[in-house]
């Protein structure tokens, strides 16, 4: 869940108010059903997101296990080709402008996961 966005040119610099609590609530429900969950909160960069998802996959998707459920509570963008791109918070960066974001540089396509 991502609430703490820092992207100029978006209303409230992109900040949201319920994504973290939504992600935590969904995670708790899945854990209650016996699922092995990893809850990521306020992911700051594409690199950080990629590392955390790859680590999760290495630890859990072994043998015949090839099922994963990913819930993204936060901003996402759609490419001209219709691909969904997840938008990290960029919270530790200065002066990130929405109009300067590049899909393949500043976001992560679901196809990359």
C-alpha atoms as a PDB file:
ATOM      1  CA  UNK A   1       0.000   0.000   0.000  1.00  0.00           C
ATOM      2  CA  UNK A   2       1.342   3.421  -0.964  1.00  0.00           C
ATOM      3  CA  UNK A   3       0.087   6.631   0.640  1.00  0.00           C
ATOM      4  CA  UNK A   4       3.231   8.780   0.926  1.00  0.00           C
ATOM      5  CA  UNK A   5       3.723   9.926  -2.656  1.00  0.00           C
ATOM      6  CA  UNK A   6       5.971  12.875  -3.515  1.00  0.00           C
ATOM      7  CA  UNK A   7       5.113  13.719  -7.095  1.00  0.00           C
ATOM      8  CA  UNK A   8       4.623  17.365  -8.054  1.00  0.00           C
ATOM      9  CA  UNK A   9       1.889  18.089 -10.538  1.00  0.00           C
ATOM     10  CA  UNK A  10      -0.527  15.619  -8.961  1.00  0.00           C
ATOM     11  CA  UNK A  11      -3.227  16.745  -6.545  1.00  0.00           C
ATOM     12  CA  UNK A  12      -1.759  16.723  -3.001  1.00  0.00           C
ATOM     13  CA  UNK A  13       1.587  15.754  -4.594  1.00  0.00           C
ATOM     14  CA  UNK A  14      -0.032  12.370  -5.223  1.00  0.00           C
ATOM     15  CA  UNK A  15      -0.488  11.566  -1.539  1.00  0.00           C
ATOM     16  CA  UNK A  16      -3.300   9.160  -0.725  1.00  0.00           C
ATOM     17  CA  UNK A  17      -4.944   8.338   2.595  1.00  0.00           C
ATOM     18  CA  UNK A  18      -6.245   4.754   2.659  1.00  0.00           C
ATOM     19  CA  UNK A  19      -3.927   2.567   0.588  1.00  0.00           C
ATOM     20  CA  UNK A  20      -1.694   1.467   3.474  1.00  0.00           C
ATOM     21  CA  UNK A  21      -4.649   0.517   5.659  1.00  0.00           C
ATOM     22  CA  UNK A  22      -6.343  -1.240   2.710  1.00  0.00           C
ATOM     23  CA  UNK A  23      -3.212  -3.299   1.991  1.00  0.00           C
ATOM     24  CA  UNK A  24      -2.835  -4.214   5.655  1.00  0.00           C
ATOM     25  CA  UNK A  25      -6.500  -5.254   5.909  1.00  0.00           C
ATOM     26  CA  UNK A  26      -6.330  -7.458   2.791  1.00  0.00           C
ATOM     27  CA  UNK A  27      -3.084  -9.017   3.996  1.00  0.00           C
ATOM     28  CA  UNK A  28      -4.618  -9.871   7.368  1.00  0.00           C
ATOM     29  CA  UNK A  29      -7.614 -11.521   5.679  1.00  0.00           C
ATOM     30  CA  UNK A  30      -5.349 -13.647   3.486  1.00  0.00           C
ATOM     31  CA  UNK A  31      -3.177 -14.589   6.469  1.00  0.00           C
ATOM     32  CA  UNK A  32      -6.360 -15.627   8.280  1.00  0.00           C
ATOM     33  CA  UNK A  33      -7.003 -18.034   5.397  1.00  0.00           C
ATOM     34  CA  UNK A  34      -3.509 -19.494   5.785  1.00  0.00           C
ATOM     35  CA  UNK A  35      -1.798 -17.571   2.980  1.00  0.00           C
ATOM     36  CA  UNK A  36       1.854 -16.584   3.215  1.00  0.00           C
ATOM     37  CA  UNK A  37       1.757 -12.808   2.682  1.00  0.00           C
ATOM     38  CA  UNK A  38       4.320 -10.093   2.147  1.00  0.00           C
ATOM     39  CA  UNK A  39       2.946  -6.602   2.721  1.00  0.00           C
ATOM     40  CA  UNK A  40       4.948  -3.772   1.202  1.00  0.00           C
ATOM     41  CA  UNK A  41       4.220  -0.264   2.410  1.00  0.00           C
ATOM     42  CA  UNK A  42       5.184   3.026   0.746  1.00  0.00           C
ATOM     43  CA  UNK A  43       7.527   1.488  -1.830  1.00  0.00           C
ATOM     44  CA  UNK A  44       9.851   4.312  -2.836  1.00  0.00           C
ATOM     45  CA  UNK A  45      11.352   3.245  -6.147  1.00  0.00           C
ATOM     46  CA  UNK A  46      11.127   0.864  -9.077  1.00  0.00           C
ATOM     47  CA  UNK A  47      14.407  -0.728  -7.958  1.00  0.00           C
ATOM     48  CA  UNK A  48      13.116  -1.297  -4.434  1.00  0.00           C
ATOM     49  CA  UNK A  49       9.864  -2.797  -5.725  1.00  0.00           C
ATOM     50  CA  UNK A  50      11.695  -5.128  -8.108  1.00  0.00           C
ATOM     51  CA  UNK A  51      14.090  -6.351  -5.386  1.00  0.00           C
ATOM     52  CA  UNK A  52      11.307  -7.008  -2.883  1.00  0.00           C
ATOM     53  CA  UNK A  53       9.085  -8.860  -5.355  1.00  0.00           C
ATOM     54  CA  UNK A  54      11.977 -10.967  -6.698  1.00  0.00           C
ATOM     55  CA  UNK A  55      13.028 -11.888  -3.124  1.00  0.00           C
ATOM     56  CA  UNK A  56       9.440 -12.853  -2.297  1.00  0.00           C
ATOM     57  CA  UNK A  57       9.194 -14.987  -5.450  1.00  0.00           C
ATOM     58  CA  UNK A  58      12.503 -16.778  -4.779  1.00  0.00           C
ATOM     59  CA  UNK A  59      11.374 -17.661  -1.256  1.00  0.00           C
ATOM     60  CA  UNK A  60       7.869 -18.825  -2.112  1.00  0.00           C
ATOM     61  CA  UNK A  61       7.477 -19.848  -5.738  1.00  0.00           C
ATOM     62  CA  UNK A  62       9.327 -23.159  -5.723  1.00  0.00           C
ATOM     63  CA  UNK A  63       8.662 -26.547  -7.250  1.00  0.00           C
ATOM     64  CA  UNK A  64       5.131 -26.735  -8.553  1.00  0.00           C
ATOM     65  CA  UNK A  65       4.014 -23.570  -6.757  1.00  0.00           C
ATOM     66  CA  UNK A  66       3.366 -20.931  -9.409  1.00  0.00           C
ATOM     67  CA  UNK A  67       0.462 -18.965  -7.997  1.00  0.00           C
ATOM     68  CA  UNK A  68       0.779 -15.442  -6.684  1.00  0.00           C
ATOM     69  CA  UNK A  69      -1.753 -12.748  -5.868  1.00  0.00           C
ATOM     70  CA  UNK A  70      -0.544  -9.170  -6.052  1.00  0.00           C
ATOM     71  CA  UNK A  71      -2.690  -6.334  -4.799  1.00  0.00           C
ATOM     72  CA  UNK A  72      -1.435  -2.842  -5.614  1.00  0.00           C
ATOM     73  CA  UNK A  73      -3.046  -0.171  -3.461  1.00  0.00           C
ATOM     74  CA  UNK A  74      -1.703   3.082  -4.864  1.00  0.00           C
ATOM     75  CA  UNK A  75      -1.269   4.965  -8.126  1.00  0.00           C
ATOM     76  CA  UNK A  76      -0.811   3.150 -11.410  1.00  0.00           C
ATOM     77  CA  UNK A  77      -0.574   4.364 -14.995  1.00  0.00           C
ATOM     78  CA  UNK A  78      -1.581   2.816 -18.286  1.00  0.00           C
ATOM     79  CA  UNK A  79       0.777   2.786 -21.254  1.00  0.00           C
ATOM     80  CA  UNK A  80      -0.368   3.557 -24.811  1.00  0.00           C
ATOM     81  CA  UNK A  81      -0.223  -0.226 -25.385  1.00  0.00           C
ATOM     82  CA  UNK A  82      -2.630  -0.793 -22.484  1.00  0.00           C
ATOM     83  CA  UNK A  83      -0.022  -2.163 -20.062  1.00  0.00           C
ATOM     84  CA  UNK A  84      -0.461  -1.338 -16.386  1.00  0.00           C
ATOM     85  CA  UNK A  85       2.515   0.363 -14.728  1.00  0.00           C
ATOM     86  CA  UNK A  86       2.838   0.581 -10.941  1.00  0.00           C
ATOM     87  CA  UNK A  87       3.945   3.976  -9.631  1.00  0.00           C
ATOM     88  CA  UNK A  88       6.279   3.934  -6.603  1.00  0.00           C
ATOM     89  CA  UNK A  89       6.049   6.835  -4.136  1.00  0.00           C
ATOM     90  CA  UNK A  90       9.370   8.551  -4.974  1.00  0.00           C
ATOM     91  CA  UNK A  91       9.196   9.743  -1.338  1.00  0.00           C
ATOM     92  CA  UNK A  92      12.958  10.137  -0.902  1.00  0.00           C
ATOM     93  CA  UNK A  93      13.483  12.063  -4.116  1.00  0.00           C
ATOM     94  CA  UNK A  94      13.289  15.821  -4.587  1.00  0.00           C
ATOM     95  CA  UNK A  95      11.244  17.618  -7.201  1.00  0.00           C
ATOM     96  CA  UNK A  96       9.783  14.605  -9.006  1.00  0.00           C
ATOM     97  CA  UNK A  97       7.400  16.086 -11.578  1.00  0.00           C
ATOM     98  CA  UNK A  98       4.505  14.040 -12.898  1.00  0.00           C
ATOM     99  CA  UNK A  99       5.031  15.351 -16.444  1.00  0.00           C
ATOM    100  CA  UNK A 100       8.678  14.195 -16.333  1.00  0.00           C
ATOM    101  CA  UNK A 101       7.907  10.589 -15.359  1.00  0.00           C
ATOM    102  CA  UNK A 102       8.922   8.006 -17.935  1.00  0.00           C
ATOM    103  CA  UNK A 103       6.977   4.756 -17.924  1.00  0.00           C
ATOM    104  CA  UNK A 104       9.965   2.484 -18.477  1.00  0.00           C
ATOM    105  CA  UNK A 105      12.240   4.403 -16.084  1.00  0.00           C
ATOM    106  CA  UNK A 106      10.099   5.550 -13.144  1.00  0.00           C
ATOM    107  CA  UNK A 107       7.382   2.892 -13.068  1.00  0.00           C
ATOM    108  CA  UNK A 108       7.208  -0.884 -13.149  1.00  0.00           C
ATOM    109  CA  UNK A 109       5.111  -2.728 -15.676  1.00  0.00           C
ATOM    110  CA  UNK A 110       3.166  -5.677 -14.323  1.00  0.00           C
ATOM    111  CA  UNK A 111       4.845  -7.643 -17.101  1.00  0.00           C
ATOM    112  CA  UNK A 112       8.213  -7.046 -15.370  1.00  0.00           C
ATOM    113  CA  UNK A 113       7.039  -8.825 -12.248  1.00  0.00           C
END
